C-alpha atoms as a PDB file:
ATOM      1  CA  MET A   1      17.513 -48.380 -49.715  1.00  0.00           C
ATOM      2  CA  ARG A   2      16.698 -45.867 -45.883  1.00  0.00           C
ATOM      3  CA  PRO A   3      15.087 -42.465 -46.240  1.00  0.00           C
ATOM      4  CA  ALA A   4      17.300 -39.329 -45.860  1.00  0.00           C
ATOM      5  CA  PRO A   5      17.861 -37.980 -42.001  1.00  0.00           C
ATOM      6  CA  ARG A   6      15.208 -35.271 -41.684  1.00  0.00           C
ATOM      7  CA  ARG A   7      16.572 -32.418 -41.889  1.00  0.00           C
ATOM      8  CA  HIS A   8      15.495 -29.443 -40.003  1.00  0.00           C
ATOM      9  CA  ARG A   9      14.470 -26.115 -42.265  1.00  0.00           C
ATOM     10  CA  HIS A  10      13.217 -23.893 -39.547  1.00  0.00           C
ATOM     11  CA  PRO A  11      14.914 -23.276 -36.252  1.00  0.00           C
ATOM     12  CA  HIS A  12      14.891 -24.423 -32.994  1.00  0.00           C
ATOM     13  CA  PRO A  13      14.055 -20.990 -30.662  1.00  0.00           C
ATOM     14  CA  LEU A  14      14.862 -20.687 -27.132  1.00  0.00           C
ATOM     15  CA  SER A  15      12.722 -18.325 -24.704  1.00  0.00           C
ATOM     16  CA  PRO A  16      13.967 -18.116 -21.560  1.00  0.00           C
ATOM     17  CA  ALA A  17      10.742 -17.283 -19.988  1.00  0.00           C
ATOM     18  CA  ILE A  18       7.218 -16.090 -20.588  1.00  0.00           C
ATOM     19  CA  SER A  19       6.246 -13.347 -18.759  1.00  0.00           C
ATOM     20  CA  ALA A  20       4.416  -9.733 -19.160  1.00  0.00           C
ATOM     21  CA  PRO A  21       5.662  -8.092 -20.033  1.00  0.00           C
ATOM     22  CA  PRO A  22       6.415  -9.536 -22.830  1.00  0.00           C
ATOM     23  CA  ILE A  23       9.016  -7.175 -24.347  1.00  0.00           C
ATOM     24  CA  PRO A  24      11.798  -5.899 -21.723  1.00  0.00           C
ATOM     25  CA  PRO A  25      12.452  -2.578 -20.952  1.00  0.00           C
ATOM     26  CA  CYS A  26      14.867  -1.522 -23.248  1.00  0.00           C
ATOM     27  CA  CYS A  27      15.054  -3.808 -25.532  1.00  0.00           C
ATOM     28  CA  PRO A  28      13.669  -3.612 -29.253  1.00  0.00           C
ATOM     29  CA  PRO A  29      11.164  -6.227 -29.578  1.00  0.00           C
ATOM     30  CA  PRO A  30      12.438  -9.255 -31.152  1.00  0.00           C
ATOM     31  CA  ASN A  31      11.684 -10.475 -34.167  1.00  0.00           C
ATOM     32  CA  PRO A  32       9.866 -13.263 -33.520  1.00  0.00           C
ATOM     33  CA  PRO A  33      10.631 -16.950 -36.422  1.00  0.00           C
ATOM     34  CA  TYR A  34       8.382 -17.199 -38.888  1.00  0.00           C
ATOM     35  CA  ALA A  35       8.133 -21.175 -37.856  1.00  0.00           C
ATOM     36  CA  ALA A  36       9.619 -23.606 -35.718  1.00  0.00           C
ATOM     37  CA  ASP A  37      10.041 -27.658 -35.616  1.00  0.00           C
ATOM     38  CA  ILE A  38      10.107 -27.328 -32.107  1.00  0.00           C
ATOM     39  CA  VAL A  39      10.401 -24.479 -29.366  1.00  0.00           C
ATOM     40  CA  VAL A  40      11.634 -24.810 -25.634  1.00  0.00           C
ATOM     41  CA  LEU A  41      10.983 -22.623 -23.526  1.00  0.00           C
ATOM     42  CA  GLU A  42      10.618 -21.588 -19.525  1.00  0.00           C
ATOM     43  CA  SER A  43       6.884 -20.421 -18.021  1.00  0.00           C
ATOM     44  CA  THR A  44       7.259 -20.700 -14.741  1.00  0.00           C
ATOM     45  CA  TYR A  45       4.749 -17.999 -14.169  1.00  0.00           C
ATOM     46  CA  GLY A  46       2.780 -18.982 -17.463  1.00  0.00           C
ATOM     47  CA  ASP A  47       0.116 -19.969 -15.558  1.00  0.00           C
ATOM     48  CA  ARG A  48      -1.432 -16.802 -14.283  1.00  0.00           C
ATOM     49  CA  LEU A  49      -2.808 -13.635 -15.550  1.00  0.00           C
ATOM     50  CA  HIS A  50      -0.224 -11.026 -15.812  1.00  0.00           C
ATOM     51  CA  GLU A  51      -0.685  -6.795 -14.963  1.00  0.00           C
ATOM     52  CA  ASP A  52       0.057  -4.502 -17.923  1.00  0.00           C
ATOM     53  CA  ARG A  53       3.261  -2.166 -16.865  1.00  0.00           C
ATOM     54  CA  ARG A  54       1.483   0.031 -16.657  1.00  0.00           C
ATOM     55  CA  ALA A  55      -0.959  -1.298 -13.766  1.00  0.00           C
ATOM     56  CA  ARG A  56       2.786  -3.062 -12.168  1.00  0.00           C
ATOM     57  CA  ARG A  57       3.655   0.940 -12.026  1.00  0.00           C
ATOM     58  CA  ASP A  58       0.931   2.388 -10.717  1.00  0.00           C
ATOM     59  CA  ARG A  59       1.359  -0.871  -8.075  1.00  0.00           C
ATOM     60  CA  LEU A  60       4.799  -0.254  -7.458  1.00  0.00           C
ATOM     61  CA  ARG A  61       4.318   3.785  -6.880  1.00  0.00           C
ATOM     62  CA  ALA A  62       1.245   3.279  -4.499  1.00  0.00           C
ATOM     63  CA  ILE A  63       3.971   0.743  -2.316  1.00  0.00           C
ATOM     64  CA  VAL A  64       7.135   3.188  -2.103  1.00  0.00           C
ATOM     65  CA  GLU A  65       4.669   5.707  -1.047  1.00  0.00           C
ATOM     66  CA  HIS A  66       2.820   3.682   1.547  1.00  0.00           C
ATOM     67  CA  ALA A  67       6.009   2.210   2.693  1.00  0.00           C
ATOM     68  CA  PHE A  68       7.168   6.656   3.056  1.00  0.00           C
ATOM     69  CA  ASP A  69       4.363   7.981   4.371  1.00  0.00           C
ATOM     70  CA  ASN A  70       4.453   5.221   7.397  1.00  0.00           C
ATOM     71  CA  GLY A  71       8.133   6.582   7.604  1.00  0.00           C
ATOM     72  CA  GLY A  72       9.532   3.440   6.753  1.00  0.00           C
ATOM     73  CA  THR A  73      12.500   1.862   4.723  1.00  0.00           C
ATOM     74  CA  LEU A  74      11.355  -0.007   1.435  1.00  0.00           C
ATOM     75  CA  LEU A  75      13.600  -3.494   0.624  1.00  0.00           C
ATOM     76  CA  ILE A  76      12.913  -5.118  -2.679  1.00  0.00           C
ATOM     77  CA  PRO A  77      14.482  -8.422  -3.412  1.00  0.00           C
ATOM     78  CA  ALA A  78      15.408  -9.106  -7.150  1.00  0.00           C
ATOM     79  CA  PHE A  79      16.685 -11.055  -9.101  1.00  0.00           C
ATOM     80  CA  SER A  80      20.416 -10.446 -10.525  1.00  0.00           C
ATOM     81  CA  ILE A  81      19.527 -10.493 -13.973  1.00  0.00           C
ATOM     82  CA  GLY A  82      16.562  -8.673 -16.063  1.00  0.00           C
ATOM     83  CA  ARG A  83      14.175  -7.746 -12.792  1.00  0.00           C
ATOM     84  CA  THR A  84      17.103  -5.761 -11.224  1.00  0.00           C
ATOM     85  CA  GLN A  85      16.921  -3.834 -13.891  1.00  0.00           C
ATOM     86  CA  GLU A  86      13.054  -3.781 -15.375  1.00  0.00           C
ATOM     87  CA  LEU A  87      12.701  -2.956 -11.427  1.00  0.00           C
ATOM     88  CA  LEU A  88      14.913   0.284 -12.493  1.00  0.00           C
ATOM     89  CA  TYR A  89      13.818   1.081 -15.042  1.00  0.00           C
ATOM     90  CA  GLU A  90      10.113   1.199 -13.860  1.00  0.00           C
ATOM     91  CA  LEU A  91      11.667   3.255 -10.608  1.00  0.00           C
ATOM     92  CA  GLU A  92      13.089   6.063 -13.398  1.00  0.00           C
ATOM     93  CA  ALA A  93       9.174   6.638 -15.110  1.00  0.00           C
ATOM     94  CA  ILE A  94       7.555   6.810 -11.440  1.00  0.00           C
ATOM     95  CA  ILE A  95      10.004   9.429 -10.394  1.00  0.00           C
ATOM     96  CA  HIS A  96      10.204  11.323 -13.348  1.00  0.00           C
ATOM     97  CA  GLN A  97       6.513  11.287 -13.352  1.00  0.00           C
ATOM     98  CA  HIS A  98       6.018  12.211  -9.699  1.00  0.00           C
ATOM     99  CA  ARG A  99       9.591  14.145  -8.860  1.00  0.00           C
ATOM    100  CA  GLN A 100       8.380  17.035  -7.849  1.00  0.00           C
ATOM    101  CA  ARG A 101       5.150  15.077  -5.623  1.00  0.00           C
ATOM    102  CA  ARG A 102       5.507  15.230  -1.969  1.00  0.00           C
ATOM    103  CA  LEU A 103       6.990  11.541  -0.837  1.00  0.00           C
ATOM    104  CA  THR A 104       6.492  12.030   2.736  1.00  0.00           C
ATOM    105  CA  GLN A 105       7.293  15.522   5.324  1.00  0.00           C
ATOM    106  CA  GLY A 106       9.415  17.543   3.457  1.00  0.00           C
ATOM    107  CA  ARG A 107      10.644  14.806   0.494  1.00  0.00           C
ATOM    108  CA  THR A 108       9.933  14.307  -3.152  1.00  0.00           C
ATOM    109  CA  TRP A 109      10.417  12.183  -5.378  1.00  0.00           C
ATOM    110  CA  ASP A 110      13.336  13.331  -6.483  1.00  0.00           C
ATOM    111  CA  ASP A 111      14.844  12.972  -3.064  1.00  0.00           C
ATOM    112  CA  LEU A 112      14.028   9.078  -3.254  1.00  0.00           C
ATOM    113  CA  GLU A 113      17.686   7.597  -2.549  1.00  0.00           C
ATOM    114  CA  ILE A 114      18.094   3.767  -4.147  1.00  0.00           C
ATOM    115  CA  ILE A 115      20.632   1.448  -3.207  1.00  0.00           C
ATOM    116  CA  LEU A 116      21.216  -1.590  -5.131  1.00  0.00           C
ATOM    117  CA  ASP A 117      22.858  -4.153  -3.254  1.00  0.00           C
ATOM    118  CA  SER A 118      24.279  -6.791  -5.308  1.00  0.00           C
ATOM    119  CA  PRO A 119      27.321  -6.395  -7.153  1.00  0.00           C
ATOM    120  CA  LEU A 120      26.282  -9.144 -10.174  1.00  0.00           C
ATOM    121  CA  ALA A 121      23.339  -7.027 -10.926  1.00  0.00           C
ATOM    122  CA  ALA A 122      24.849  -3.751 -10.834  1.00  0.00           C
ATOM    123  CA  ASP A 123      27.380  -5.253 -13.225  1.00  0.00           C
ATOM    124  CA  PHE A 124      24.624  -6.519 -15.479  1.00  0.00           C
ATOM    125  CA  THR A 125      22.957  -2.865 -15.087  1.00  0.00           C
ATOM    126  CA  ALA A 126      25.738  -1.447 -16.353  1.00  0.00           C
ATOM    127  CA  GLY A 127      26.641  -3.873 -19.163  1.00  0.00           C
ATOM    128  CA  TYR A 128      22.704  -2.650 -20.480  1.00  0.00           C
ATOM    129  CA  THR A 129      24.419   1.016 -20.042  1.00  0.00           C
ATOM    130  CA  ARG A 130      27.724  -0.221 -22.471  1.00  0.00           C
ATOM    131  CA  LEU A 131      24.652  -1.707 -24.947  1.00  0.00           C
ATOM    132  CA  ARG A 132      22.506   1.799 -25.450  1.00  0.00           C
ATOM    133  CA  ASP A 133      22.798   1.057 -29.427  1.00  0.00           C
ATOM    134  CA  HIS A 134      20.492  -1.264 -28.647  1.00  0.00           C
ATOM    135  CA  TRP A 135      17.863   0.236 -26.762  1.00  0.00           C
ATOM    136  CA  ASP A 136      14.626   1.013 -28.072  1.00  0.00           C
ATOM    137  CA  ARG A 137      13.048   4.421 -28.970  1.00  0.00           C
ATOM    138  CA  GLU A 138      11.301   4.860 -25.145  1.00  0.00           C
ATOM    139  CA  ALA A 139      14.764   4.363 -23.629  1.00  0.00           C
ATOM    140  CA  LYS A 140      17.159   6.228 -26.199  1.00  0.00           C
ATOM    141  CA  ARG A 141      14.137   8.972 -25.879  1.00  0.00           C
ATOM    142  CA  ARG A 142      14.619   9.372 -21.975  1.00  0.00           C
ATOM    143  CA  LEU A 143      18.318   9.313 -22.582  1.00  0.00           C
ATOM    144  CA  ASP A 144      18.595  11.862 -24.626  1.00  0.00           C
ATOM    145  CA  SER A 145      16.133  13.913 -22.363  1.00  0.00           C
ATOM    146  CA  GLY A 146      18.484  13.478 -19.653  1.00  0.00           C
ATOM    147  CA  ARG A 147      16.497  11.245 -17.912  1.00  0.00           C
ATOM    148  CA  HIS A 148      18.916   7.639 -16.675  1.00  0.00           C
ATOM    149  CA  PRO A 149      17.317   4.315 -18.195  1.00  0.00           C
ATOM    150  CA  PRO A 150      18.425   1.582 -17.711  1.00  0.00           C
ATOM    151  CA  THR A 151      20.868   2.492 -15.153  1.00  0.00           C
ATOM    152  CA  CYS A 152      17.776   4.098 -14.635  1.00  0.00           C
ATOM    153  CA  ALA A 153      17.228   6.253 -11.230  1.00  0.00           C
ATOM    154  CA  PRO A 154      20.446   7.414 -10.083  1.00  0.00           C
ATOM    155  CA  SER A 155      21.416   4.546  -7.580  1.00  0.00           C
ATOM    156  CA  THR A 156      24.341   4.083  -5.475  1.00  0.00           C
ATOM    157  CA  THR A 157      25.991   0.473  -5.280  1.00  0.00           C
END
């Protein structure tokens, strides 16, 4: 008599990446699986210590200010899906927090023009907007106060 085949009692969760922050902006935290027989995940940057969101936001603000203080333009290459929206979300927070602060000669953060030069990223960002019923509390609070998450800072495509 052969033993019955083993039946997996637990799901086989997949994770697209281990990264910081662990929960993308605008997304409610996922319900972690209680248990799993196998977990499949990508960990390209898993061997590094990551800054928290506040530290990354402060560093991004300093980079933008430095570029404009030097009379330059800032170009930020970003992946089309996920990272671009995360970057826009953080820029929106910086612009809101520092909107009246001088960025460069006669310009404030409110004057900052953001150009999203990627049709795929623009389509994906529009998809975030259509899914606003699923946004987390922070993103909904921003929207209710007249702000722009996750389409984020008003941008041109």
